[in-house]
Amino acid sequence: MKKKVFISSTYRDLLEHRKEVWELLGEHDVKVSGMEEFGARKSDSLTTCLEEVRESDIYIGILGMVYGSVDATSGKSYTQLEYEEAIRSNLDIFIYLIDKDESIFRLSNIDFINYTKLEKFKTELKSKHTVDFFKDPIDLKKKVNGLLNQLSGTLITLNGLTRSGWKRDENVSLLNRQCQFMRFILVRGQEMKIILMPIIGK
């Protein structure tokens, strides 16, 4: 069964960032969940978001300079409530924060009203997780791709042929991965011979 990844962020200020990450995840052996595909439902938007988080395996949180829509009851943003739900649901959590020193912002994409709440939330995230920082949509895509490659199983490209698999068991041993690699070489031995011949000589 494929892992399910939930993308959590504000929308209008990080639209291009979400698009890049969404397209990237589509290239990997995972299911993707986010507001882009919710569609019409009976439940309100916050309830839908939290339900999707609970049904996911991995939470990717992306924070820019906007705190986001605030829930009237808790006084917290939807993004923060999604994160707290991911904690309660014991999801694997990965956080990406915008690099304030290296990024260029539109004035409209800076949340002056909720700036204190946003910074407090970011401080909490940095205290609980090893966060990464991004400068722009492409930089974020590269960072997330690096994460996915770490989480993936064997990834081998040979004569344009790619083999990739999502690692469902975090305790897969190095020996098992080596065995997988050797089996792959045996199956594709002829192609390996063609590639290595110019290096080792005929």
N, C-alpha and C. Protein backbone atom coordinates (compact mmCIF):
# COMPACT_ATOMS: atom_id res chain seq x y z
N MET A 1 0.83 -1.19 0.00
CA MET A 1 0.00 0.00 0.00
C MET A 1 0.87 1.25 0.00
N LYS A 2 0.52 2.22 -0.83
CA LYS A 2 1.31 3.43 -0.93
C LYS A 2 1.19 4.28 0.33
N LYS A 3 2.29 4.95 0.67
CA LYS A 3 2.27 5.93 1.74
C LYS A 3 1.44 7.13 1.29
N LYS A 4 0.76 7.77 2.24
CA LYS A 4 -0.03 8.95 1.93
C LYS A 4 0.63 10.17 2.55
N VAL A 5 0.88 11.18 1.73
CA VAL A 5 1.57 12.39 2.17
C VAL A 5 0.58 13.55 2.19
N PHE A 6 0.51 14.24 3.33
CA PHE A 6 -0.36 15.40 3.44
C PHE A 6 0.48 16.67 3.34
N ILE A 7 0.12 17.56 2.42
CA ILE A 7 0.81 18.84 2.26
C ILE A 7 0.04 19.90 3.04
N SER A 8 0.70 20.51 4.01
CA SER A 8 0.06 21.51 4.86
C SER A 8 0.76 22.86 4.69
N SER A 9 -0.01 23.87 4.32
CA SER A 9 0.54 25.22 4.18
C SER A 9 -0.62 26.18 3.96
N THR A 10 -0.31 27.46 4.02
CA THR A 10 -1.27 28.44 3.54
C THR A 10 -1.30 28.33 2.02
N TYR A 11 -2.28 28.99 1.40
CA TYR A 11 -2.49 28.74 -0.03
C TYR A 11 -2.05 29.90 -0.93
N ARG A 12 -2.65 31.07 -0.74
CA ARG A 12 -2.46 32.13 -1.73
C ARG A 12 -1.00 32.57 -1.85
N ASP A 13 -0.25 32.57 -0.73
CA ASP A 13 1.14 33.03 -0.76
C ASP A 13 2.10 31.93 -1.18
N LEU A 14 1.68 30.68 -1.07
CA LEU A 14 2.56 29.55 -1.38
C LEU A 14 2.00 28.68 -2.51
N LEU A 15 1.21 29.28 -3.37
CA LEU A 15 0.56 28.54 -4.46
C LEU A 15 1.58 27.85 -5.36
N GLU A 16 2.60 28.57 -5.79
CA GLU A 16 3.62 27.99 -6.67
C GLU A 16 4.45 26.94 -5.94
N HIS A 17 4.69 27.17 -4.66
CA HIS A 17 5.45 26.20 -3.86
C HIS A 17 4.69 24.88 -3.76
N ARG A 18 3.40 24.98 -3.49
CA ARG A 18 2.57 23.78 -3.39
C ARG A 18 2.53 23.05 -4.73
N LYS A 19 2.45 23.80 -5.81
CA LYS A 19 2.39 23.20 -7.14
C LYS A 19 3.64 22.39 -7.42
N GLU A 20 4.80 22.95 -7.09
CA GLU A 20 6.07 22.25 -7.33
C GLU A 20 6.15 20.97 -6.50
N VAL A 21 5.77 21.06 -5.23
CA VAL A 21 5.84 19.88 -4.35
C VAL A 21 4.83 18.84 -4.79
N TRP A 22 3.64 19.27 -5.15
CA TRP A 22 2.59 18.34 -5.59
C TRP A 22 3.05 17.56 -6.83
N GLU A 23 3.60 18.28 -7.79
CA GLU A 23 4.07 17.61 -9.01
C GLU A 23 5.22 16.65 -8.70
N LEU A 24 6.10 17.05 -7.79
CA LEU A 24 7.21 16.19 -7.40
C LEU A 24 6.71 14.91 -6.76
N LEU A 25 5.78 15.02 -5.84
CA LEU A 25 5.25 13.84 -5.16
C LEU A 25 4.56 12.91 -6.15
N GLY A 26 3.99 13.49 -7.20
CA GLY A 26 3.34 12.68 -8.22
C GLY A 26 4.31 11.79 -8.97
N GLU A 27 5.60 12.11 -8.91
CA GLU A 27 6.62 11.30 -9.57
C GLU A 27 7.11 10.16 -8.69
N HIS A 28 6.69 10.16 -7.43
CA HIS A 28 7.12 9.12 -6.49
C HIS A 28 5.95 8.18 -6.18
N ASP A 29 6.30 7.08 -5.57
CA ASP A 29 5.32 6.03 -5.29
C ASP A 29 4.54 6.33 -4.01
N VAL A 30 3.80 7.44 -4.04
CA VAL A 30 3.03 7.86 -2.87
C VAL A 30 1.68 8.42 -3.32
N LYS A 31 0.75 8.49 -2.38
CA LYS A 31 -0.50 9.21 -2.58
C LYS A 31 -0.33 10.60 -1.99
N VAL A 32 -0.96 11.58 -2.61
CA VAL A 32 -0.82 12.96 -2.16
C VAL A 32 -2.18 13.48 -1.71
N SER A 33 -2.18 14.18 -0.57
CA SER A 33 -3.40 14.76 -0.05
C SER A 33 -3.17 16.24 0.25
N GLY A 34 -4.15 17.05 -0.12
CA GLY A 34 -4.08 18.48 0.14
C GLY A 34 -5.34 19.14 -0.34
N MET A 35 -5.47 20.41 -0.05
CA MET A 35 -6.71 21.13 -0.34
C MET A 35 -7.05 21.15 -1.82
N GLU A 36 -6.04 20.94 -2.69
CA GLU A 36 -6.30 20.97 -4.13
C GLU A 36 -7.27 19.89 -4.58
N GLU A 37 -7.35 18.77 -3.83
CA GLU A 37 -8.15 17.65 -4.32
C GLU A 37 -9.30 17.28 -3.38
N PHE A 38 -9.63 18.15 -2.44
CA PHE A 38 -10.69 17.81 -1.49
C PHE A 38 -12.06 17.70 -2.16
N GLY A 39 -12.38 18.64 -3.06
CA GLY A 39 -13.68 18.62 -3.70
C GLY A 39 -14.79 19.00 -2.73
N ALA A 40 -16.04 18.82 -3.15
CA ALA A 40 -17.18 19.16 -2.32
C ALA A 40 -17.45 18.05 -1.30
N ARG A 41 -17.63 18.43 -0.03
CA ARG A 41 -17.91 17.47 1.02
C ARG A 41 -18.94 18.03 2.00
N LYS A 42 -19.55 17.14 2.77
CA LYS A 42 -20.54 17.58 3.75
C LYS A 42 -19.90 18.36 4.90
N SER A 43 -18.71 17.95 5.31
CA SER A 43 -18.04 18.56 6.46
C SER A 43 -17.46 19.92 6.10
N ASP A 44 -17.21 20.75 7.12
CA ASP A 44 -16.58 22.04 6.89
C ASP A 44 -15.11 21.82 6.53
N SER A 45 -14.47 22.88 6.04
CA SER A 45 -13.12 22.75 5.50
C SER A 45 -12.11 22.31 6.56
N LEU A 46 -12.21 22.82 7.78
CA LEU A 46 -11.26 22.43 8.82
C LEU A 46 -11.41 20.96 9.18
N THR A 47 -12.64 20.50 9.33
CA THR A 47 -12.88 19.09 9.64
C THR A 47 -12.33 18.20 8.54
N THR A 48 -12.54 18.60 7.30
CA THR A 48 -12.01 17.84 6.16
C THR A 48 -10.49 17.76 6.23
N CYS A 49 -9.85 18.88 6.50
CA CYS A 49 -8.38 18.90 6.59
C CYS A 49 -7.89 17.95 7.67
N LEU A 50 -8.50 18.00 8.83
CA LEU A 50 -8.04 17.16 9.95
C LEU A 50 -8.30 15.69 9.68
N GLU A 51 -9.40 15.38 9.02
CA GLU A 51 -9.67 13.99 8.64
C GLU A 51 -8.61 13.47 7.68
N GLU A 52 -8.22 14.31 6.73
CA GLU A 52 -7.20 13.91 5.77
C GLU A 52 -5.85 13.71 6.45
N VAL A 53 -5.56 14.54 7.42
CA VAL A 53 -4.31 14.38 8.17
C VAL A 53 -4.29 13.03 8.87
N ARG A 54 -5.37 12.69 9.54
CA ARG A 54 -5.45 11.43 10.29
C ARG A 54 -5.28 10.22 9.39
N GLU A 55 -5.69 10.35 8.14
CA GLU A 55 -5.61 9.23 7.21
C GLU A 55 -4.26 9.15 6.49
N SER A 56 -3.35 10.07 6.83
CA SER A 56 -2.06 10.14 6.15
C SER A 56 -0.97 9.45 6.95
N ASP A 57 0.17 9.25 6.31
CA ASP A 57 1.35 8.65 6.95
C ASP A 57 2.44 9.68 7.20
N ILE A 58 2.51 10.66 6.31
CA ILE A 58 3.58 11.65 6.35
C ILE A 58 2.98 13.05 6.24
N TYR A 59 3.48 13.95 7.07
CA TYR A 59 3.03 15.34 7.07
C TYR A 59 4.18 16.23 6.62
N ILE A 60 3.95 16.99 5.54
CA ILE A 60 4.93 17.97 5.10
C ILE A 60 4.35 19.36 5.36
N GLY A 61 4.95 20.08 6.29
CA GLY A 61 4.49 21.42 6.64
C GLY A 61 5.38 22.46 5.98
N ILE A 62 4.74 23.41 5.28
CA ILE A 62 5.47 24.47 4.57
C ILE A 62 4.95 25.81 5.08
N LEU A 63 5.84 26.61 5.67
CA LEU A 63 5.43 27.88 6.24
C LEU A 63 6.19 29.04 5.61
N GLY A 64 5.42 30.03 5.18
CA GLY A 64 5.99 31.25 4.65
C GLY A 64 5.87 32.38 5.65
N MET A 65 5.29 33.49 5.20
CA MET A 65 5.15 34.66 6.05
C MET A 65 3.70 34.99 6.35
N VAL A 66 2.82 34.02 6.10
CA VAL A 66 1.40 34.19 6.37
C VAL A 66 0.95 33.12 7.36
N TYR A 67 0.24 33.53 8.41
CA TYR A 67 -0.24 32.58 9.42
C TYR A 67 -1.40 31.76 8.90
N GLY A 68 -2.28 32.37 8.11
CA GLY A 68 -3.37 31.64 7.48
C GLY A 68 -4.71 31.83 8.15
N SER A 69 -5.71 31.14 7.61
CA SER A 69 -7.07 31.21 8.15
C SER A 69 -7.07 30.76 9.61
N VAL A 70 -7.76 31.52 10.45
CA VAL A 70 -7.76 31.25 11.89
C VAL A 70 -9.09 30.66 12.31
N ASP A 71 -9.02 29.56 13.05
CA ASP A 71 -10.21 28.93 13.60
C ASP A 71 -10.74 29.78 14.75
N ALA A 72 -12.02 30.13 14.70
CA ALA A 72 -12.61 31.03 15.69
C ALA A 72 -12.60 30.43 17.09
N THR A 73 -12.71 29.12 17.19
CA THR A 73 -12.80 28.47 18.51
C THR A 73 -11.44 28.43 19.20
N SER A 74 -10.41 27.97 18.50
CA SER A 74 -9.10 27.80 19.12
C SER A 74 -8.21 29.03 19.00
N GLY A 75 -8.49 29.87 18.02
CA GLY A 75 -7.64 31.02 17.77
C GLY A 75 -6.35 30.65 17.04
N LYS A 76 -6.27 29.41 16.57
CA LYS A 76 -5.09 28.94 15.85
C LYS A 76 -5.39 28.82 14.35
N SER A 77 -4.33 28.89 13.55
CA SER A 77 -4.51 28.76 12.11
C SER A 77 -4.80 27.31 11.74
N TYR A 78 -5.40 27.14 10.57
CA TYR A 78 -5.67 25.79 10.08
C TYR A 78 -4.36 25.00 9.96
N THR A 79 -3.31 25.67 9.49
CA THR A 79 -2.02 24.99 9.33
C THR A 79 -1.50 24.48 10.67
N GLN A 80 -1.64 25.30 11.70
CA GLN A 80 -1.16 24.87 13.03
C GLN A 80 -2.02 23.74 13.57
N LEU A 81 -3.30 23.78 13.34
CA LEU A 81 -4.20 22.71 13.80
C LEU A 81 -3.92 21.42 13.04
N GLU A 82 -3.59 21.53 11.77
CA GLU A 82 -3.22 20.34 10.99
C GLU A 82 -1.95 19.72 11.56
N TYR A 83 -1.00 20.57 11.89
CA TYR A 83 0.25 20.08 12.49
C TYR A 83 -0.02 19.37 13.81
N GLU A 84 -0.84 19.96 14.67
CA GLU A 84 -1.15 19.35 15.97
C GLU A 84 -1.88 18.03 15.79
N GLU A 85 -2.70 17.93 14.75
CA GLU A 85 -3.38 16.67 14.45
C GLU A 85 -2.38 15.62 13.99
N ALA A 86 -1.39 16.06 13.22
CA ALA A 86 -0.33 15.14 12.77
C ALA A 86 0.46 14.61 13.95
N ILE A 87 0.69 15.45 14.95
CA ILE A 87 1.38 15.02 16.17
C ILE A 87 0.55 13.97 16.89
N ARG A 88 -0.74 14.24 17.06
CA ARG A 88 -1.62 13.30 17.76
C ARG A 88 -1.74 11.98 17.01
N SER A 89 -1.67 12.05 15.68
CA SER A 89 -1.82 10.86 14.85
C SER A 89 -0.49 10.14 14.62
N ASN A 90 0.56 10.65 15.23
CA ASN A 90 1.89 10.01 15.16
C ASN A 90 2.40 9.89 13.72
N LEU A 91 2.20 10.91 12.92
CA LEU A 91 2.70 10.92 11.56
C LEU A 91 4.19 11.25 11.56
N ASP A 92 4.87 10.85 10.49
CA ASP A 92 6.24 11.33 10.25
C ASP A 92 6.12 12.78 9.80
N ILE A 93 6.81 13.68 10.48
CA ILE A 93 6.62 15.11 10.25
C ILE A 93 7.91 15.74 9.73
N PHE A 94 7.77 16.50 8.64
CA PHE A 94 8.90 17.21 8.05
C PHE A 94 8.49 18.66 7.79
N ILE A 95 9.31 19.59 8.28
CA ILE A 95 8.94 21.00 8.26
C ILE A 95 9.91 21.80 7.40
N TYR A 96 9.33 22.66 6.57
CA TYR A 96 10.11 23.56 5.73
C TYR A 96 9.65 25.00 5.99
N LEU A 97 10.61 25.85 6.36
CA LEU A 97 10.32 27.25 6.66
C LEU A 97 10.98 28.15 5.62
N ILE A 98 10.31 29.21 5.26
CA ILE A 98 10.89 30.14 4.30
C ILE A 98 12.10 30.84 4.91
N ASP A 99 13.14 31.01 4.12
CA ASP A 99 14.35 31.69 4.56
C ASP A 99 14.12 33.20 4.45
N LYS A 100 13.92 33.85 5.57
CA LYS A 100 13.57 35.28 5.57
C LYS A 100 14.72 36.15 5.06
N ASP A 101 15.95 35.66 5.16
CA ASP A 101 17.10 36.44 4.74
C ASP A 101 17.40 36.31 3.25
N GLU A 102 17.00 35.18 2.66
CA GLU A 102 17.34 34.91 1.27
C GLU A 102 16.16 35.03 0.31
N SER A 103 14.96 35.15 0.83
CA SER A 103 13.76 35.17 -0.02
C SER A 103 13.29 36.59 -0.29
N ILE A 104 12.54 36.73 -1.37
CA ILE A 104 11.93 38.01 -1.72
C ILE A 104 10.42 37.87 -1.53
N PHE A 105 9.83 38.80 -0.76
CA PHE A 105 8.41 38.70 -0.46
C PHE A 105 7.62 39.83 -1.12
N ARG A 106 6.43 39.50 -1.48
CA ARG A 106 5.47 40.55 -1.81
C ARG A 106 4.92 41.09 -0.49
N LEU A 107 4.67 42.36 -0.45
CA LEU A 107 4.15 42.97 0.76
C LEU A 107 2.83 42.32 1.17
N SER A 108 2.04 41.93 0.17
CA SER A 108 0.74 41.31 0.44
C SER A 108 0.87 39.91 1.02
N ASN A 109 2.08 39.34 0.93
CA ASN A 109 2.30 37.99 1.45
C ASN A 109 2.99 37.99 2.81
N ILE A 110 2.93 39.12 3.49
CA ILE A 110 3.43 39.20 4.85
C ILE A 110 2.25 39.48 5.78
N ASP A 111 2.04 38.59 6.73
CA ASP A 111 0.90 38.69 7.64
C ASP A 111 1.29 39.52 8.87
N PHE A 112 1.09 40.84 8.76
CA PHE A 112 1.46 41.72 9.86
C PHE A 112 0.54 41.55 11.06
N ILE A 113 -0.71 41.24 10.82
CA ILE A 113 -1.69 41.13 11.91
C ILE A 113 -1.37 39.95 12.82
N ASN A 114 -1.05 38.80 12.20
CA ASN A 114 -0.80 37.58 12.98
C ASN A 114 0.68 37.22 13.04
N TYR A 115 1.54 38.19 12.84
CA TYR A 115 2.97 37.93 12.78
C TYR A 115 3.49 37.28 14.07
N THR A 116 3.02 37.76 15.21
CA THR A 116 3.48 37.20 16.49
C THR A 116 3.08 35.74 16.64
N LYS A 117 1.85 35.41 16.25
CA LYS A 117 1.38 34.03 16.31
C LYS A 117 2.21 33.14 15.38
N LEU A 118 2.49 33.66 14.20
CA LEU A 118 3.26 32.90 13.22
C LEU A 118 4.66 32.60 13.74
N GLU A 119 5.32 33.62 14.29
CA GLU A 119 6.68 33.43 14.79
C GLU A 119 6.69 32.48 15.99
N LYS A 120 5.69 32.55 16.83
CA LYS A 120 5.59 31.64 17.97
C LYS A 120 5.44 30.20 17.49
N PHE A 121 4.63 30.01 16.46
CA PHE A 121 4.43 28.68 15.88
C PHE A 121 5.73 28.17 15.28
N LYS A 122 6.44 29.02 14.56
CA LYS A 122 7.71 28.60 13.96
C LYS A 122 8.73 28.25 15.04
N THR A 123 8.74 29.00 16.11
CA THR A 123 9.65 28.70 17.21
C THR A 123 9.36 27.33 17.80
N GLU A 124 8.09 27.02 17.95
CA GLU A 124 7.69 25.70 18.45
C GLU A 124 8.17 24.60 17.50
N LEU A 125 8.00 24.81 16.21
CA LEU A 125 8.41 23.81 15.22
C LEU A 125 9.92 23.58 15.27
N LYS A 126 10.67 24.67 15.37
CA LYS A 126 12.13 24.56 15.41
C LYS A 126 12.62 23.89 16.68
N SER A 127 11.83 24.00 17.75
CA SER A 127 12.24 23.36 19.00
C SER A 127 11.95 21.87 19.02
N LYS A 128 11.00 21.43 18.19
CA LYS A 128 10.58 20.03 18.19
C LYS A 128 11.09 19.22 17.01
N HIS A 129 11.53 19.91 15.96
CA HIS A 129 11.93 19.21 14.74
C HIS A 129 13.21 19.82 14.17
N THR A 130 13.91 19.05 13.38
CA THR A 130 15.01 19.58 12.59
C THR A 130 14.41 20.11 11.30
N VAL A 131 14.25 21.41 11.22
CA VAL A 131 13.56 22.01 10.08
C VAL A 131 14.56 22.31 8.97
N ASP A 132 14.04 22.52 7.77
CA ASP A 132 14.87 22.95 6.65
C ASP A 132 14.29 24.26 6.13
N PHE A 133 15.10 25.00 5.38
CA PHE A 133 14.69 26.32 4.91
C PHE A 133 14.74 26.37 3.39
N PHE A 134 13.84 27.15 2.79
CA PHE A 134 13.79 27.28 1.34
C PHE A 134 13.72 28.75 0.94
N LYS A 135 14.22 29.03 -0.27
CA LYS A 135 14.26 30.40 -0.77
C LYS A 135 13.13 30.70 -1.75
N ASP A 136 12.74 29.69 -2.52
CA ASP A 136 11.75 29.88 -3.57
C ASP A 136 11.15 28.51 -3.90
N PRO A 137 10.15 28.47 -4.79
CA PRO A 137 9.51 27.18 -5.11
C PRO A 137 10.47 26.11 -5.61
N ILE A 138 11.42 26.47 -6.46
CA ILE A 138 12.35 25.48 -6.99
C ILE A 138 13.28 24.96 -5.91
N ASP A 139 13.73 25.84 -5.05
CA ASP A 139 14.59 25.43 -3.94
C ASP A 139 13.85 24.48 -3.01
N LEU A 140 12.58 24.78 -2.74
CA LEU A 140 11.76 23.89 -1.91
C LEU A 140 11.62 22.53 -2.56
N LYS A 141 11.39 22.52 -3.86
CA LYS A 141 11.24 21.26 -4.59
C LYS A 141 12.49 20.41 -4.45
N LYS A 142 13.66 21.04 -4.56
CA LYS A 142 14.92 20.31 -4.42
C LYS A 142 15.06 19.73 -3.02
N LYS A 143 14.68 20.50 -2.01
CA LYS A 143 14.81 20.03 -0.64
C LYS A 143 13.87 18.84 -0.38
N VAL A 144 12.64 18.94 -0.86
CA VAL A 144 11.68 17.85 -0.66
C VAL A 144 12.10 16.63 -1.45
N ASN A 145 12.65 16.83 -2.64
CA ASN A 145 13.13 15.70 -3.44
C ASN A 145 14.25 14.97 -2.72
N GLY A 146 15.13 15.73 -2.06
CA GLY A 146 16.19 15.10 -1.27
C GLY A 146 15.62 14.26 -0.15
N LEU A 147 14.57 14.77 0.49
CA LEU A 147 13.90 14.00 1.54
C LEU A 147 13.31 12.72 1.00
N LEU A 148 12.62 12.82 -0.13
CA LEU A 148 11.97 11.64 -0.70
C LEU A 148 12.99 10.58 -1.10
N ASN A 149 14.13 11.02 -1.61
CA ASN A 149 15.16 10.06 -1.97
C ASN A 149 15.73 9.36 -0.74
N GLN A 150 15.80 10.07 0.38
CA GLN A 150 16.24 9.45 1.62
C GLN A 150 15.23 8.43 2.12
N LEU A 151 13.95 8.73 1.95
CA LEU A 151 12.90 7.84 2.43
C LEU A 151 12.66 6.67 1.50
N SER A 152 13.10 6.81 0.26
CA SER A 152 12.86 5.77 -0.74
C SER A 152 13.77 4.58 -0.50
N GLY A 153 13.41 3.47 -1.12
CA GLY A 153 14.27 2.31 -1.12
C GLY A 153 15.31 2.47 -2.20
N THR A 154 15.73 1.39 -2.81
CA THR A 154 16.76 1.43 -3.83
C THR A 154 16.33 2.29 -5.00
N LEU A 155 17.22 3.18 -5.42
CA LEU A 155 16.95 4.02 -6.59
C LEU A 155 18.14 3.92 -7.52
N ILE A 156 17.97 3.27 -8.65
CA ILE A 156 19.07 3.02 -9.58
C ILE A 156 18.64 3.45 -10.97
N THR A 157 19.49 4.22 -11.64
CA THR A 157 19.22 4.59 -13.01
C THR A 157 20.26 3.93 -13.90
N LEU A 158 19.80 3.20 -14.89
CA LEU A 158 20.70 2.42 -15.74
C LEU A 158 20.21 2.50 -17.17
N ASN A 159 21.01 3.13 -18.06
CA ASN A 159 20.59 3.30 -19.45
C ASN A 159 19.21 3.93 -19.55
N GLY A 160 18.96 4.93 -18.71
CA GLY A 160 17.68 5.61 -18.74
C GLY A 160 16.57 4.87 -18.03
N LEU A 161 16.89 3.70 -17.45
CA LEU A 161 15.89 2.90 -16.76
C LEU A 161 15.97 3.16 -15.27
N THR A 162 14.89 3.56 -14.68
CA THR A 162 14.88 3.90 -13.25
C THR A 162 14.07 2.89 -12.47
N ARG A 163 14.60 2.47 -11.33
CA ARG A 163 13.89 1.59 -10.41
C ARG A 163 13.79 2.31 -9.07
N SER A 164 12.62 2.54 -8.59
CA SER A 164 12.48 3.21 -7.30
C SER A 164 11.35 2.56 -6.52
N GLY A 165 11.47 2.56 -5.20
CA GLY A 165 10.42 1.99 -4.37
C GLY A 165 10.38 2.71 -3.05
N TRP A 166 9.18 2.99 -2.56
CA TRP A 166 9.04 3.67 -1.28
C TRP A 166 9.36 2.71 -0.14
N LYS A 167 10.19 3.14 0.78
CA LYS A 167 10.60 2.28 1.89
C LYS A 167 9.49 2.24 2.94
N ARG A 168 8.76 1.18 3.00
CA ARG A 168 7.65 1.07 3.93
C ARG A 168 8.09 0.63 5.32
N ASP A 169 9.25 0.02 5.42
CA ASP A 169 9.77 -0.42 6.71
C ASP A 169 11.03 0.37 7.01
N GLU A 170 11.01 1.23 8.02
CA GLU A 170 12.14 2.09 8.33
C GLU A 170 13.34 1.28 8.79
N ASN A 171 13.14 0.02 9.18
CA ASN A 171 14.22 -0.81 9.71
C ASN A 171 14.80 -1.76 8.68
N VAL A 172 14.52 -1.47 7.40
CA VAL A 172 15.10 -2.31 6.35
C VAL A 172 16.61 -2.25 6.48
N SER A 173 17.23 -3.39 6.56
CA SER A 173 18.67 -3.44 6.82
C SER A 173 19.47 -3.12 5.57
N LEU A 174 20.70 -2.70 5.81
CA LEU A 174 21.61 -2.45 4.70
C LEU A 174 21.84 -3.70 3.89
N LEU A 175 21.89 -4.85 4.57
CA LEU A 175 22.10 -6.12 3.87
C LEU A 175 20.97 -6.38 2.89
N ASN A 176 19.73 -6.13 3.31
CA ASN A 176 18.60 -6.34 2.41
C ASN A 176 18.69 -5.45 1.19
N ARG A 177 19.10 -4.19 1.40
CA ARG A 177 19.22 -3.27 0.27
C ARG A 177 20.33 -3.72 -0.67
N GLN A 178 21.42 -4.24 -0.07
CA GLN A 178 22.50 -4.73 -0.91
C GLN A 178 22.05 -5.94 -1.73
N CYS A 179 21.27 -6.81 -1.11
CA CYS A 179 20.75 -7.98 -1.83
C CYS A 179 19.84 -7.55 -2.97
N GLN A 180 19.00 -6.53 -2.71
CA GLN A 180 18.14 -6.01 -3.76
C GLN A 180 18.98 -5.49 -4.92
N PHE A 181 20.05 -4.79 -4.57
CA PHE A 181 20.92 -4.22 -5.59
C PHE A 181 21.57 -5.31 -6.41
N MET A 182 22.04 -6.38 -5.74
CA MET A 182 22.70 -7.47 -6.45
C MET A 182 21.73 -8.19 -7.37
N ARG A 183 20.49 -8.38 -6.89
CA ARG A 183 19.49 -9.02 -7.74
C ARG A 183 19.24 -8.18 -8.98
N PHE A 184 19.21 -6.86 -8.79
CA PHE A 184 18.99 -5.97 -9.92
C PHE A 184 20.12 -6.09 -10.94
N ILE A 185 21.35 -6.16 -10.43
CA ILE A 185 22.51 -6.29 -11.31
C ILE A 185 22.45 -7.60 -12.10
N LEU A 186 22.05 -8.68 -11.41
CA LEU A 186 21.95 -9.97 -12.09
C LEU A 186 20.93 -9.93 -13.21
N VAL A 187 19.82 -9.26 -12.95
CA VAL A 187 18.76 -9.17 -13.96
C VAL A 187 19.21 -8.31 -15.12
N ARG A 188 19.93 -7.24 -14.80
CA ARG A 188 20.37 -6.30 -15.84
C ARG A 188 21.86 -6.43 -16.13
N GLY A 189 22.40 -7.60 -15.93
CA GLY A 189 23.84 -7.80 -16.06
C GLY A 189 24.39 -7.37 -17.41
N GLN A 190 23.65 -7.68 -18.44
CA GLN A 190 24.14 -7.36 -19.77
C GLN A 190 24.27 -5.86 -19.96
N GLU A 191 23.28 -5.12 -19.45
CA GLU A 191 23.33 -3.66 -19.57
C GLU A 191 24.49 -3.11 -18.75
N MET A 192 24.74 -3.69 -17.57
CA MET A 192 25.86 -3.26 -16.75
C MET A 192 27.18 -3.49 -17.49
N LYS A 193 27.27 -4.63 -18.18
CA LYS A 193 28.49 -4.96 -18.93
C LYS A 193 28.74 -3.91 -20.00
N ILE A 194 27.68 -3.50 -20.65
CA ILE A 194 27.81 -2.50 -21.71
C ILE A 194 28.31 -1.17 -21.14
N ILE A 195 27.78 -0.81 -19.97
CA ILE A 195 28.16 0.45 -19.35
C ILE A 195 29.60 0.40 -18.85
N LEU A 196 30.03 -0.73 -18.28
CA LEU A 196 31.34 -0.81 -17.65
C LEU A 196 32.47 -1.05 -18.64
N MET A 197 32.16 -1.57 -19.81
CA MET A 197 33.20 -1.90 -20.78
C MET A 197 34.13 -0.73 -21.11
N PRO A 198 33.57 0.49 -21.35
CA PRO A 198 34.48 1.60 -21.67
C PRO A 198 35.37 1.97 -20.48
N ILE A 199 34.98 1.59 -19.27
CA ILE A 199 35.72 1.98 -18.07
C ILE A 199 36.83 0.97 -17.80
N ILE A 200 36.49 -0.34 -17.83
CA ILE A 200 37.47 -1.36 -17.44
C ILE A 200 38.20 -1.99 -18.64
N GLY A 201 37.73 -1.61 -19.81
CA GLY A 201 38.35 -2.17 -21.02
C GLY A 201 37.68 -3.46 -21.44
N LYS A 202 37.78 -3.83 -22.69
CA LYS A 202 37.15 -5.04 -23.21
C LYS A 202 37.94 -6.27 -22.77
